[in-house]
């Protein structure tokens, strides 16, 4: 059964401009060290930064604001084939356990100036 669905779209330049203005402190505020390392491993890191930010926003929408969320408690990981997934931690992990959310489906895409993410939560 579906618990929640969330989608978010972000302008890649918005993330790039914030990173250029605020430097590493902006990126470190919203992404985990693993996410940062993955993105900087790309020729152009900003689309990857943007879709990870969108994924976190989409997850917040999917849970419907029922619990306060820290961006770094949501981590977007990729398996060996590149398939993205979400790992939650801290208060968000407890929330998932309480609500019996068993699966978190994630789709990411970026094209030219936009990045988009969709999340579906299952119980």
PDB file of N, CA and C in Angstrom:
ATOM      1  N   UNK A   1       0.836  -1.167   0.000  1.00  0.00           N
ATOM      2  CA  UNK A   1       0.000   0.000   0.000  1.00  0.00           C
ATOM      3  C   UNK A   1       0.893   1.247   0.000  1.00  0.00           C
ATOM      4  N   UNK A   2       0.472   2.258  -0.710  1.00  0.00           N
ATOM      5  CA  UNK A   2       1.240   3.503  -0.799  1.00  0.00           C
ATOM      6  C   UNK A   2       0.959   4.378   0.418  1.00  0.00           C
ATOM      7  N   UNK A   3       2.026   4.825   1.058  1.00  0.00           N
ATOM      8  CA  UNK A   3       1.918   5.738   2.197  1.00  0.00           C
ATOM      9  C   UNK A   3       1.904   7.188   1.708  1.00  0.00           C
ATOM     10  N   UNK A   4       2.773   7.494   0.742  1.00  0.00           N
ATOM     11  CA  UNK A   4       2.851   8.858   0.245  1.00  0.00           C
ATOM     12  C   UNK A   4       3.646   8.961  -1.035  1.00  0.00           C
ATOM     13  N   UNK A   5       3.395  10.023  -1.778  1.00  0.00           N
ATOM     14  CA  UNK A   5       4.081  10.309  -3.035  1.00  0.00           C
ATOM     15  C   UNK A   5       4.537  11.760  -2.994  1.00  0.00           C
ATOM     16  N   UNK A   6       5.749  12.013  -3.470  1.00  0.00           N
ATOM     17  CA  UNK A   6       6.249  13.380  -3.537  1.00  0.00           C
ATOM     18  C   UNK A   6       7.080  13.599  -4.782  1.00  0.00           C
ATOM     19  N   UNK A   7       6.995  14.788  -5.329  1.00  0.00           N
ATOM     20  CA  UNK A   7       7.777  15.169  -6.510  1.00  0.00           C
ATOM     21  C   UNK A   7       8.322  16.569  -6.280  1.00  0.00           C
ATOM     22  N   UNK A   8       9.537  16.798  -6.769  1.00  0.00           N
ATOM     23  CA  UNK A   8      10.112  18.137  -6.681  1.00  0.00           C
ATOM     24  C   UNK A   8      10.940  18.406  -7.927  1.00  0.00           C
ATOM     25  N   UNK A   9      10.940  19.641  -8.351  1.00  0.00           N
ATOM     26  CA  UNK A   9      11.744  20.080  -9.493  1.00  0.00           C
ATOM     27  C   UNK A   9      12.568  21.274  -9.034  1.00  0.00           C
ATOM     28  N   UNK A  10      13.798  21.357  -9.507  1.00  0.00           N
ATOM     29  CA  UNK A  10      14.685  22.443  -9.102  1.00  0.00           C
ATOM     30  C   UNK A  10      15.502  22.898 -10.310  1.00  0.00           C
ATOM     31  N   UNK A  11      15.746  24.203 -10.367  1.00  0.00           N
ATOM     32  CA  UNK A  11      16.628  24.735 -11.406  1.00  0.00           C
ATOM     33  C   UNK A  11      18.071  24.434 -10.989  1.00  0.00           C
ATOM     34  N   UNK A  12      18.805  23.822 -11.876  1.00  0.00           N
ATOM     35  CA  UNK A  12      20.193  23.461 -11.587  1.00  0.00           C
ATOM     36  C   UNK A  12      21.020  24.708 -11.296  1.00  0.00           C
ATOM     37  N   UNK A  13      20.787  25.785 -12.037  1.00  0.00           N
ATOM     38  CA  UNK A  13      21.536  27.029 -11.807  1.00  0.00           C
ATOM     39  C   UNK A  13      21.293  27.604 -10.414  1.00  0.00           C
ATOM     40  N   UNK A  14      20.115  27.368  -9.861  1.00  0.00           N
ATOM     41  CA  UNK A  14      19.821  27.857  -8.509  1.00  0.00           C
ATOM     42  C   UNK A  14      20.773  27.218  -7.492  1.00  0.00           C
ATOM     43  N   UNK A  15      20.997  25.913  -7.654  1.00  0.00           N
ATOM     44  CA  UNK A  15      21.918  25.197  -6.762  1.00  0.00           C
ATOM     45  C   UNK A  15      23.352  25.646  -7.031  1.00  0.00           C
ATOM     46  N   UNK A  16      23.695  25.790  -8.300  1.00  0.00           N
ATOM     47  CA  UNK A  16      25.047  26.220  -8.662  1.00  0.00           C
ATOM     48  C   UNK A  16      25.354  27.605  -8.104  1.00  0.00           C
ATOM     49  N   UNK A  17      24.417  28.539  -8.262  1.00  0.00           N
ATOM     50  CA  UNK A  17      24.627  29.905  -7.750  1.00  0.00           C
ATOM     51  C   UNK A  17      24.764  29.922  -6.230  1.00  0.00           C
ATOM     52  N   UNK A  18      23.946  29.125  -5.543  1.00  0.00           N
ATOM     53  CA  UNK A  18      24.044  29.057  -4.075  1.00  0.00           C
ATOM     54  C   UNK A  18      25.394  28.480  -3.665  1.00  0.00           C
ATOM     55  N   UNK A  19      25.852  27.449  -4.378  1.00  0.00           N
ATOM     56  CA  UNK A  19      27.153  26.845  -4.060  1.00  0.00           C
ATOM     57  C   UNK A  19      28.291  27.831  -4.320  1.00  0.00           C
ATOM     58  N   UNK A  20      28.173  28.585  -5.398  1.00  0.00           N
ATOM     59  CA  UNK A  20      29.206  29.575  -5.702  1.00  0.00           C
ATOM     60  C   UNK A  20      29.197  30.718  -4.686  1.00  0.00           C
ATOM     61  N   UNK A  21      28.004  31.102  -4.241  1.00  0.00           N
ATOM     62  CA  UNK A  21      27.891  32.212  -3.278  1.00  0.00           C
ATOM     63  C   UNK A  21      28.345  31.794  -1.881  1.00  0.00           C
ATOM     64  N   UNK A  22      27.889  30.636  -1.418  1.00  0.00           N
ATOM     65  CA  UNK A  22      28.135  30.216  -0.041  1.00  0.00           C
ATOM     66  C   UNK A  22      29.261  29.193   0.097  1.00  0.00           C
ATOM     67  N   UNK A  23      29.759  28.681  -1.018  1.00  0.00           N
ATOM     68  CA  UNK A  23      30.868  27.740  -0.981  1.00  0.00           C
ATOM     69  C   UNK A  23      30.471  26.386  -0.402  1.00  0.00           C
ATOM     70  N   UNK A  24      31.464  25.707   0.129  1.00  0.00           N
ATOM     71  CA  UNK A  24      31.251  24.351   0.652  1.00  0.00           C
ATOM     72  C   UNK A  24      30.229  24.302   1.777  1.00  0.00           C
ATOM     73  N   UNK A  25      30.065  25.387   2.519  1.00  0.00           N
ATOM     74  CA  UNK A  25      29.128  25.367   3.651  1.00  0.00           C
ATOM     75  C   UNK A  25      27.699  25.100   3.182  1.00  0.00           C
ATOM     76  N   UNK A  26      27.324  25.605   1.994  1.00  0.00           N
ATOM     77  CA  UNK A  26      25.984  25.335   1.466  1.00  0.00           C
ATOM     78  C   UNK A  26      25.826  23.855   1.136  1.00  0.00           C
ATOM     79  N   UNK A  27      26.765  23.322   0.392  1.00  0.00           N
ATOM     80  CA  UNK A  27      26.701  21.911  -0.014  1.00  0.00           C
ATOM     81  C   UNK A  27      26.734  21.005   1.215  1.00  0.00           C
ATOM     82  N   UNK A  28      27.610  21.300   2.162  1.00  0.00           N
ATOM     83  CA  UNK A  28      27.736  20.470   3.365  1.00  0.00           C
ATOM     84  C   UNK A  28      26.511  20.552   4.263  1.00  0.00           C
ATOM     85  N   UNK A  29      25.728  21.604   4.130  1.00  0.00           N
ATOM     86  CA  UNK A  29      24.514  21.748   4.930  1.00  0.00           C
ATOM     87  C   UNK A  29      23.407  20.824   4.436  1.00  0.00           C
ATOM     88  N   UNK A  30      23.374  20.541   3.134  1.00  0.00           N
ATOM     89  CA  UNK A  30      22.267  19.755   2.577  1.00  0.00           C
ATOM     90  C   UNK A  30      22.648  18.337   2.153  1.00  0.00           C
ATOM     91  N   UNK A  31      23.944  18.076   1.944  1.00  0.00           N
ATOM     92  CA  UNK A  31      24.364  16.762   1.468  1.00  0.00           C
ATOM     93  C   UNK A  31      25.322  16.086   2.435  1.00  0.00           C
ATOM     94  N   UNK A  32      25.291  14.761   2.427  1.00  0.00           N
ATOM     95  CA  UNK A  32      26.210  13.979   3.258  1.00  0.00           C
ATOM     96  C   UNK A  32      27.567  13.882   2.559  1.00  0.00           C
ATOM     97  N   UNK A  33      28.614  13.501   3.293  1.00  0.00           N
ATOM     98  CA  UNK A  33      29.926  13.338   2.647  1.00  0.00           C
ATOM     99  C   UNK A  33      29.905  12.352   1.469  1.00  0.00           C
ATOM    100  N   UNK A  34      29.155  11.268   1.573  1.00  0.00           N
ATOM    101  CA  UNK A  34      29.066  10.305   0.452  1.00  0.00           C
ATOM    102  C   UNK A  34      28.424  10.945  -0.771  1.00  0.00           C
ATOM    103  N   UNK A  35      27.375  11.733  -0.544  1.00  0.00           N
ATOM    104  CA  UNK A  35      26.703  12.401  -1.654  1.00  0.00           C
ATOM    105  C   UNK A  35      27.633  13.421  -2.316  1.00  0.00           C
ATOM    106  N   UNK A  36      28.342  14.177  -1.506  1.00  0.00           N
ATOM    107  CA  UNK A  36      29.268  15.188  -2.026  1.00  0.00           C
ATOM    108  C   UNK A  36      30.355  14.526  -2.865  1.00  0.00           C
ATOM    109  N   UNK A  37      30.902  13.447  -2.355  1.00  0.00           N
ATOM    110  CA  UNK A  37      31.948  12.716  -3.069  1.00  0.00           C
ATOM    111  C   UNK A  37      31.429  12.189  -4.406  1.00  0.00           C
ATOM    112  N   UNK A  38      30.231  11.627  -4.398  1.00  0.00           N
ATOM    113  CA  UNK A  38      29.635  11.110  -5.634  1.00  0.00           C
ATOM    114  C   UNK A  38      29.474  12.231  -6.662  1.00  0.00           C
ATOM    115  N   UNK A  39      28.922  13.356  -6.242  1.00  0.00           N
ATOM    116  CA  UNK A  39      28.668  14.470  -7.167  1.00  0.00           C
ATOM    117  C   UNK A  39      29.962  15.052  -7.728  1.00  0.00           C
ATOM    118  N   UNK A  40      30.967  15.227  -6.867  1.00  0.00           N
ATOM    119  CA  UNK A  40      32.230  15.779  -7.344  1.00  0.00           C
ATOM    120  C   UNK A  40      32.981  14.786  -8.226  1.00  0.00           C
ATOM    121  N   UNK A  41      32.574  13.529  -8.206  1.00  0.00           N
ATOM    122  CA  UNK A  41      33.146  12.527  -9.109  1.00  0.00           C
ATOM    123  C   UNK A  41      32.627  12.651 -10.532  1.00  0.00           C
ATOM    124  N   UNK A  42      31.625  13.469 -10.730  1.00  0.00           N
ATOM    125  CA  UNK A  42      31.042  13.704 -12.047  1.00  0.00           C
ATOM    126  C   UNK A  42      31.763  14.859 -12.740  1.00  0.00           C
ATOM    127  N   UNK A  43      31.776  14.828 -14.070  1.00  0.00           N
ATOM    128  CA  UNK A  43      32.390  15.918 -14.840  1.00  0.00           C
ATOM    129  C   UNK A  43      31.728  17.249 -14.499  1.00  0.00           C
ATOM    130  N   UNK A  44      30.405  17.236 -14.396  1.00  0.00           N
ATOM    131  CA  UNK A  44      29.626  18.418 -14.026  1.00  0.00           C
ATOM    132  C   UNK A  44      28.814  18.050 -12.779  1.00  0.00           C
ATOM    133  N   UNK A  45      29.206  18.503 -11.582  1.00  0.00           N
ATOM    134  CA  UNK A  45      28.552  18.052 -10.353  1.00  0.00           C
ATOM    135  C   UNK A  45      27.181  18.676 -10.068  1.00  0.00           C
ATOM    136  N   UNK A  46      26.893  19.835 -10.629  1.00  0.00           N
ATOM    137  CA  UNK A  46      25.682  20.561 -10.229  1.00  0.00           C
ATOM    138  C   UNK A  46      24.363  19.865 -10.571  1.00  0.00           C
ATOM    139  N   UNK A  47      24.232  19.195 -11.702  1.00  0.00           N
ATOM    140  CA  UNK A  47      23.000  18.432 -11.916  1.00  0.00           C
ATOM    141  C   UNK A  47      22.790  17.341 -10.851  1.00  0.00           C
ATOM    142  N   UNK A  48      23.872  16.710 -10.440  1.00  0.00           N
ATOM    143  CA  UNK A  48      23.765  15.679  -9.397  1.00  0.00           C
ATOM    144  C   UNK A  48      23.431  16.292  -8.042  1.00  0.00           C
ATOM    145  N   UNK A  49      24.022  17.444  -7.729  1.00  0.00           N
ATOM    146  CA  UNK A  49      23.651  18.148  -6.504  1.00  0.00           C
ATOM    147  C   UNK A  49      22.159  18.481  -6.534  1.00  0.00           C
ATOM    148  N   UNK A  50      21.698  19.004  -7.674  1.00  0.00           N
ATOM    149  CA  UNK A  50      20.317  19.462  -7.798  1.00  0.00           C
ATOM    150  C   UNK A  50      19.315  18.324  -7.625  1.00  0.00           C
ATOM    151  N   UNK A  51      19.566  17.183  -8.272  1.00  0.00           N
ATOM    152  CA  UNK A  51      18.589  16.090  -8.147  1.00  0.00           C
ATOM    153  C   UNK A  51      18.595  15.494  -6.745  1.00  0.00           C
ATOM    154  N   UNK A  52      19.714  15.540  -6.048  1.00  0.00           N
ATOM    155  CA  UNK A  52      19.738  15.062  -4.663  1.00  0.00           C
ATOM    156  C   UNK A  52      18.936  16.007  -3.765  1.00  0.00           C
ATOM    157  N   UNK A  53      19.081  17.296  -4.001  1.00  0.00           N
ATOM    158  CA  UNK A  53      18.267  18.258  -3.261  1.00  0.00           C
ATOM    159  C   UNK A  53      16.787  18.022  -3.559  1.00  0.00           C
ATOM    160  N   UNK A  54      16.439  17.836  -4.827  1.00  0.00           N
ATOM    161  CA  UNK A  54      15.046  17.583  -5.221  1.00  0.00           C
ATOM    162  C   UNK A  54      14.526  16.287  -4.586  1.00  0.00           C
ATOM    163  N   UNK A  55      15.363  15.265  -4.493  1.00  0.00           N
ATOM    164  CA  UNK A  55      14.953  14.000  -3.879  1.00  0.00           C
ATOM    165  C   UNK A  55      14.592  14.195  -2.408  1.00  0.00           C
ATOM    166  N   UNK A  56      15.376  14.992  -1.720  1.00  0.00           N
ATOM    167  CA  UNK A  56      15.117  15.250  -0.305  1.00  0.00           C
ATOM    168  C   UNK A  56      13.811  16.022  -0.131  1.00  0.00           C
ATOM    169  N   UNK A  57      13.585  17.006  -0.991  1.00  0.00           N
ATOM    170  CA  UNK A  57      12.334  17.768  -0.948  1.00  0.00           C
ATOM    171  C   UNK A  57      11.141  16.872  -1.296  1.00  0.00           C
ATOM    172  N   UNK A  58      11.316  15.986  -2.267  1.00  0.00           N
ATOM    173  CA  UNK A  58      10.240  15.072  -2.656  1.00  0.00           C
ATOM    174  C   UNK A  58       9.893  14.121  -1.508  1.00  0.00           C
ATOM    175  N   UNK A  59      10.901  13.660  -0.764  1.00  0.00           N
ATOM    176  CA  UNK A  59      10.640  12.784   0.380  1.00  0.00           C
ATOM    177  C   UNK A  59       9.873  13.533   1.460  1.00  0.00           C
ATOM    178  N   UNK A  60      10.236  14.770   1.721  1.00  0.00           N
ATOM    179  CA  UNK A  60       9.515  15.581   2.706  1.00  0.00           C
ATOM    180  C   UNK A  60       8.041  15.704   2.295  1.00  0.00           C
ATOM    181  N   UNK A  61       7.791  15.919   1.017  1.00  0.00           N
ATOM    182  CA  UNK A  61       6.416  16.005   0.531  1.00  0.00           C
ATOM    183  C   UNK A  61       5.693  14.664   0.671  1.00  0.00           C
ATOM    184  N   UNK A  62       6.398  13.569   0.439  1.00  0.00           N
ATOM    185  CA  UNK A  62       5.788  12.239   0.526  1.00  0.00           C
ATOM    186  C   UNK A  62       5.362  11.900   1.956  1.00  0.00           C
ATOM    187  N   UNK A  63       6.077  12.396   2.953  1.00  0.00           N
ATOM    188  CA  UNK A  63       5.688  12.116   4.342  1.00  0.00           C
ATOM    189  C   UNK A  63       4.684  13.138   4.860  1.00  0.00           C
ATOM    190  N   UNK A  64       4.421  14.162   4.077  1.00  0.00           N
ATOM    191  CA  UNK A  64       3.365  15.107   4.417  1.00  0.00           C
ATOM    192  C   UNK A  64       3.662  16.009   5.595  1.00  0.00           C
ATOM    193  N   UNK A  65       4.926  16.265   5.863  1.00  0.00           N
ATOM    194  CA  UNK A  65       5.275  17.178   6.940  1.00  0.00           C
ATOM    195  C   UNK A  65       4.938  16.658   8.330  1.00  0.00           C
ATOM    196  N   UNK A  66       4.828  15.340   8.464  1.00  0.00           N
ATOM    197  CA  UNK A  66       4.442  14.759   9.758  1.00  0.00           C
ATOM    198  C   UNK A  66       5.558  14.760  10.794  1.00  0.00           C
ATOM    199  N   UNK A  67       6.780  14.969  10.351  1.00  0.00           N
ATOM    200  CA  UNK A  67       7.916  14.951  11.270  1.00  0.00           C
ATOM    201  C   UNK A  67       8.947  15.969  10.761  1.00  0.00           C
ATOM    202  N   UNK A  68       9.604  16.695  11.666  1.00  0.00           N
ATOM    203  CA  UNK A  68      10.663  17.608  11.216  1.00  0.00           C
ATOM    204  C   UNK A  68      11.802  16.805  10.579  1.00  0.00           C
ATOM    205  N   UNK A  69      12.345  17.332   9.500  1.00  0.00           N
ATOM    206  CA  UNK A  69      13.378  16.602   8.758  1.00  0.00           C
ATOM    207  C   UNK A  69      14.608  17.476   8.588  1.00  0.00           C
ATOM    208  N   UNK A  70      15.758  16.888   8.892  1.00  0.00           N
ATOM    209  CA  UNK A  70      17.050  17.508   8.576  1.00  0.00           C
ATOM    210  C   UNK A  70      17.486  16.948   7.231  1.00  0.00           C
ATOM    211  N   UNK A  71      17.925  17.783   6.330  1.00  0.00           N
ATOM    212  CA  UNK A  71      18.311  17.338   4.990  1.00  0.00           C
ATOM    213  C   UNK A  71      19.361  16.225   5.019  1.00  0.00           C
ATOM    214  N   UNK A  72      20.283  16.299   5.971  1.00  0.00           N
ATOM    215  CA  UNK A  72      21.343  15.300   6.021  1.00  0.00           C
ATOM    216  C   UNK A  72      20.880  13.976   6.617  1.00  0.00           C
ATOM    217  N   UNK A  73      19.621  13.905   7.096  1.00  0.00           N
ATOM    218  CA  UNK A  73      19.048  12.636   7.550  1.00  0.00           C
ATOM    219  C   UNK A  73      18.474  11.844   6.382  1.00  0.00           C
ATOM    220  N   UNK A  74      18.548  12.431   5.197  1.00  0.00           N
ATOM    221  CA  UNK A  74      18.133  11.772   3.956  1.00  0.00           C
ATOM    222  C   UNK A  74      19.389  11.676   3.097  1.00  0.00           C
ATOM    223  N   UNK A  75      19.741  10.456   2.699  1.00  0.00           N
ATOM    224  CA  UNK A  75      20.939  10.272   1.879  1.00  0.00           C
ATOM    225  C   UNK A  75      20.561   9.542   0.601  1.00  0.00           C
ATOM    226  N   UNK A  76      20.931  10.134  -0.533  1.00  0.00           N
ATOM    227  CA  UNK A  76      20.692   9.510  -1.833  1.00  0.00           C
ATOM    228  C   UNK A  76      21.956   8.750  -2.216  1.00  0.00           C
ATOM    229  N   UNK A  77      21.784   7.458  -2.408  1.00  0.00           N
ATOM    230  CA  UNK A  77      22.895   6.578  -2.769  1.00  0.00           C
ATOM    231  C   UNK A  77      22.619   5.960  -4.134  1.00  0.00           C
ATOM    232  N   UNK A  78      23.667   5.485  -4.792  1.00  0.00           N
ATOM    233  CA  UNK A  78      23.519   4.782  -6.059  1.00  0.00           C
ATOM    234  C   UNK A  78      24.161   3.405  -5.940  1.00  0.00           C
ATOM    235  N   UNK A  79      23.481   2.378  -6.480  1.00  0.00           N
ATOM    236  CA  UNK A  79      24.081   1.049  -6.462  1.00  0.00           C
ATOM    237  C   UNK A  79      25.107   0.950  -7.589  1.00  0.00           C
ATOM    238  N   UNK A  80      25.685  -0.221  -7.765  1.00  0.00           N
ATOM    239  CA  UNK A  80      26.754  -0.394  -8.754  1.00  0.00           C
ATOM    240  C   UNK A  80      26.282  -0.165 -10.188  1.00  0.00           C
ATOM    241  N   UNK A  81      24.976  -0.279 -10.423  1.00  0.00           N
ATOM    242  CA  UNK A  81      24.424  -0.036 -11.757  1.00  0.00           C
ATOM    243  C   UNK A  81      23.945   1.408 -11.931  1.00  0.00           C
ATOM    244  N   UNK A  82      24.085   2.222 -10.870  1.00  0.00           N
ATOM    245  CA  UNK A  82      23.686   3.619 -10.936  1.00  0.00           C
ATOM    246  C   UNK A  82      22.278   3.897 -10.441  1.00  0.00           C
ATOM    247  N   UNK A  83      21.550   2.853 -10.048  1.00  0.00           N
ATOM    248  CA  UNK A  83      20.166   3.031  -9.588  1.00  0.00           C
ATOM    249  C   UNK A  83      20.152   3.776  -8.249  1.00  0.00           C
ATOM    250  N   UNK A  84      19.389   4.872  -8.168  1.00  0.00           N
ATOM    251  CA  UNK A  84      19.369   5.642  -6.915  1.00  0.00           C
ATOM    252  C   UNK A  84      18.433   5.033  -5.875  1.00  0.00           C
ATOM    253  N   UNK A  85      18.782   5.266  -4.633  1.00  0.00           N
ATOM    254  CA  UNK A  85      17.924   4.856  -3.520  1.00  0.00           C
ATOM    255  C   UNK A  85      18.093   5.875  -2.405  1.00  0.00           C
ATOM    256  N   UNK A  86      17.205   5.793  -1.433  1.00  0.00           N
ATOM    257  CA  UNK A  86      17.256   6.709  -0.295  1.00  0.00           C
ATOM    258  C   UNK A  86      17.493   5.916   0.982  1.00  0.00           C
ATOM    259  N   UNK A  87      18.414   6.428   1.782  1.00  0.00           N
ATOM    260  CA  UNK A  87      18.670   5.887   3.118  1.00  0.00           C
ATOM    261  C   UNK A  87      18.310   6.995   4.103  1.00  0.00           C
ATOM    262  N   UNK A  88      17.507   6.650   5.127  1.00  0.00           N
ATOM    263  CA  UNK A  88      17.130   7.636   6.141  1.00  0.00           C
ATOM    264  C   UNK A  88      17.830   7.316   7.452  1.00  0.00           C
ATOM    265  N   UNK A  89      18.011   8.335   8.279  1.00  0.00           N
ATOM    266  CA  UNK A  89      18.669   8.127   9.569  1.00  0.00           C
ATOM    267  C   UNK A  89      18.032   9.023  10.626  1.00  0.00           C
ATOM    268  N   UNK A  90      18.447   8.786  11.872  1.00  0.00           N
ATOM    269  CA  UNK A  90      18.017   9.570  13.029  1.00  0.00           C
ATOM    270  C   UNK A  90      16.498   9.591  13.185  1.00  0.00           C
ATOM    271  N   UNK A  91      15.913  10.754  13.444  1.00  0.00           N
ATOM    272  CA  UNK A  91      14.480  10.860  13.716  1.00  0.00           C
ATOM    273  C   UNK A  91      13.634  10.363  12.542  1.00  0.00           C
ATOM    274  N   UNK A  92      14.122  10.548  11.342  1.00  0.00           N
ATOM    275  CA  UNK A  92      13.386  10.099  10.160  1.00  0.00           C
ATOM    276  C   UNK A  92      13.354   8.566  10.081  1.00  0.00           C
ATOM    277  N   UNK A  93      14.434   7.922  10.464  1.00  0.00           N
ATOM    278  CA  UNK A  93      14.463   6.453  10.494  1.00  0.00           C
ATOM    279  C   UNK A  93      13.449   5.926  11.513  1.00  0.00           C
ATOM    280  N   UNK A  94      13.362   6.559  12.664  1.00  0.00           N
ATOM    281  CA  UNK A  94      12.378   6.178  13.691  1.00  0.00           C
ATOM    282  C   UNK A  94      10.964   6.362  13.143  1.00  0.00           C
ATOM    283  N   UNK A  95      10.719   7.472  12.455  1.00  0.00           N
ATOM    284  CA  UNK A  95       9.418   7.739  11.850  1.00  0.00           C
ATOM    285  C   UNK A  95       9.045   6.641  10.858  1.00  0.00           C
ATOM    286  N   UNK A  96       9.986   6.249   9.994  1.00  0.00           N
ATOM    287  CA  UNK A  96       9.735   5.176   9.030  1.00  0.00           C
ATOM    288  C   UNK A  96       9.350   3.885   9.754  1.00  0.00           C
ATOM    289  N   UNK A  97      10.045   3.576  10.839  1.00  0.00           N
ATOM    290  CA  UNK A  97       9.741   2.362  11.602  1.00  0.00           C
ATOM    291  C   UNK A  97       8.353   2.450  12.231  1.00  0.00           C
ATOM    292  N   UNK A  98       8.035   3.584  12.827  1.00  0.00           N
ATOM    293  CA  UNK A  98       6.724   3.764  13.466  1.00  0.00           C
ATOM    294  C   UNK A  98       5.582   3.651  12.461  1.00  0.00           C
ATOM    295  N   UNK A  99       5.768   4.209  11.288  1.00  0.00           N
ATOM    296  CA  UNK A  99       4.724   4.189  10.249  1.00  0.00           C
ATOM    297  C   UNK A  99       4.778   2.922   9.398  1.00  0.00           C
ATOM    298  N   UNK A 100       5.764   2.073   9.688  1.00  0.00           N
ATOM    299  CA  UNK A 100       5.951   0.815   8.961  1.00  0.00           C
ATOM    300  C   UNK A 100       6.186   1.042   7.461  1.00  0.00           C
ATOM    301  N   UNK A 101       6.922   2.109   7.141  1.00  0.00           N
ATOM    302  CA  UNK A 101       7.298   2.368   5.749  1.00  0.00           C
ATOM    303  C   UNK A 101       8.421   1.401   5.398  1.00  0.00           C
ATOM    304  N   UNK A 102       8.123   0.502   4.482  1.00  0.00           N
ATOM    305  CA  UNK A 102       9.053  -0.585   4.180  1.00  0.00           C
ATOM    306  C   UNK A 102       9.909  -0.339   2.940  1.00  0.00           C
ATOM    307  N   UNK A 103       9.422   0.468   2.015  1.00  0.00           N
ATOM    308  CA  UNK A 103      10.175   0.724   0.786  1.00  0.00           C
ATOM    309  C   UNK A 103      10.043   2.191   0.401  1.00  0.00           C
ATOM    310  N   UNK A 104      11.123   2.680  -0.176  1.00  0.00           N
ATOM    311  CA  UNK A 104      11.157   4.052  -0.668  1.00  0.00           C
ATOM    312  C   UNK A 104      11.663   3.994  -2.109  1.00  0.00           C
ATOM    313  N   UNK A 105      10.778   4.216  -3.047  1.00  0.00           N
ATOM    314  CA  UNK A 105      11.143   4.214  -4.465  1.00  0.00           C
ATOM    315  C   UNK A 105      11.557   5.625  -4.860  1.00  0.00           C
ATOM    316  N   UNK A 106      12.618   5.713  -5.654  1.00  0.00           N
ATOM    317  CA  UNK A 106      13.153   7.019  -6.039  1.00  0.00           C
ATOM    318  C   UNK A 106      13.480   7.035  -7.525  1.00  0.00           C
ATOM    319  N   UNK A 107      13.067   8.093  -8.191  1.00  0.00           N
ATOM    320  CA  UNK A 107      13.436   8.318  -9.584  1.00  0.00           C
ATOM    321  C   UNK A 107      14.014   9.721  -9.702  1.00  0.00           C
ATOM    322  N   UNK A 108      15.160   9.825 -10.368  1.00  0.00           N
ATOM    323  CA  UNK A 108      15.847  11.100 -10.559  1.00  0.00           C
ATOM    324  C   UNK A 108      16.072  11.341 -12.044  1.00  0.00           C
ATOM    325  N   UNK A 109      16.003  12.610 -12.446  1.00  0.00           N
ATOM    326  CA  UNK A 109      16.318  12.941 -13.827  1.00  0.00           C
ATOM    327  C   UNK A 109      16.748  14.405 -13.903  1.00  0.00           C
ATOM    328  N   UNK A 110      17.618  14.693 -14.855  1.00  0.00           N
ATOM    329  CA  UNK A 110      17.965  16.089 -15.108  1.00  0.00           C
ATOM    330  C   UNK A 110      18.173  16.283 -16.608  1.00  0.00           C
ATOM    331  N   UNK A 111      17.817  17.464 -17.041  1.00  0.00           N
ATOM    332  CA  UNK A 111      17.924  17.811 -18.456  1.00  0.00           C
ATOM    333  C   UNK A 111      18.140  19.317 -18.554  1.00  0.00           C
ATOM    334  N   UNK A 112      19.204  19.685 -19.196  1.00  0.00           N
ATOM    335  CA  UNK A 112      19.552  21.091 -19.400  1.00  0.00           C
ATOM    336  C   UNK A 112      19.485  21.888 -18.105  1.00  0.00           C
ATOM    337  N   UNK A 113      18.387  22.608 -17.872  1.00  0.00           N
ATOM    338  CA  UNK A 113      18.367  23.516 -16.722  1.00  0.00           C
ATOM    339  C   UNK A 113      17.608  23.010 -15.511  1.00  0.00           C
ATOM    340  N   UNK A 114      16.985  21.839 -15.588  1.00  0.00           N
ATOM    341  CA  UNK A 114      16.158  21.359 -14.473  1.00  0.00           C
ATOM    342  C   UNK A 114      16.558  19.971 -14.001  1.00  0.00           C
ATOM    343  N   UNK A 115      16.350  19.753 -12.710  1.00  0.00           N
ATOM    344  CA  UNK A 115      16.466  18.429 -12.107  1.00  0.00           C
ATOM    345  C   UNK A 115      15.147  18.100 -11.442  1.00  0.00           C
ATOM    346  N   UNK A 116      14.744  16.851 -11.505  1.00  0.00           N
ATOM    347  CA  UNK A 116      13.471  16.437 -10.933  1.00  0.00           C
ATOM    348  C   UNK A 116      13.655  15.116 -10.186  1.00  0.00           C
ATOM    349  N   UNK A 117      12.854  14.955  -9.124  1.00  0.00           N
ATOM    350  CA  UNK A 117      12.878  13.722  -8.348  1.00  0.00           C
ATOM    351  C   UNK A 117      11.465  13.357  -7.959  1.00  0.00           C
ATOM    352  N   UNK A 118      11.186  12.060  -7.949  1.00  0.00           N
ATOM    353  CA  UNK A 118       9.895  11.533  -7.486  1.00  0.00           C
ATOM    354  C   UNK A 118      10.162  10.443  -6.461  1.00  0.00           C
ATOM    355  N   UNK A 119       9.365  10.449  -5.407  1.00  0.00           N
ATOM    356  CA  UNK A 119       9.483   9.467  -4.326  1.00  0.00           C
ATOM    357  C   UNK A 119       8.122   8.836  -4.097  1.00  0.00           C
ATOM    358  N   UNK A 120       8.116   7.519  -3.943  1.00  0.00           N
ATOM    359  CA  UNK A 120       6.913   6.783  -3.559  1.00  0.00           C
ATOM    360  C   UNK A 120       7.282   5.955  -2.336  1.00  0.00           C
ATOM    361  N   UNK A 121       6.510   6.123  -1.256  1.00  0.00           N
ATOM    362  CA  UNK A 121       6.725   5.372  -0.014  1.00  0.00           C
ATOM    363  C   UNK A 121       5.682   4.281   0.105  1.00  0.00           C
ATOM    364  N   UNK A 122       6.138   3.084   0.456  1.00  0.00           N
ATOM    365  CA  UNK A 122       5.244   1.934   0.622  1.00  0.00           C
ATOM    366  C   UNK A 122       5.240   1.463   2.073  1.00  0.00           C
ATOM    367  N   UNK A 123       4.068   1.004   2.519  1.00  0.00           N
ATOM    368  CA  UNK A 123       3.963   0.356   3.827  1.00  0.00           C
ATOM    369  C   UNK A 123       3.625  -1.105   3.611  1.00  0.00           C
TER     370      UNK A 123
END
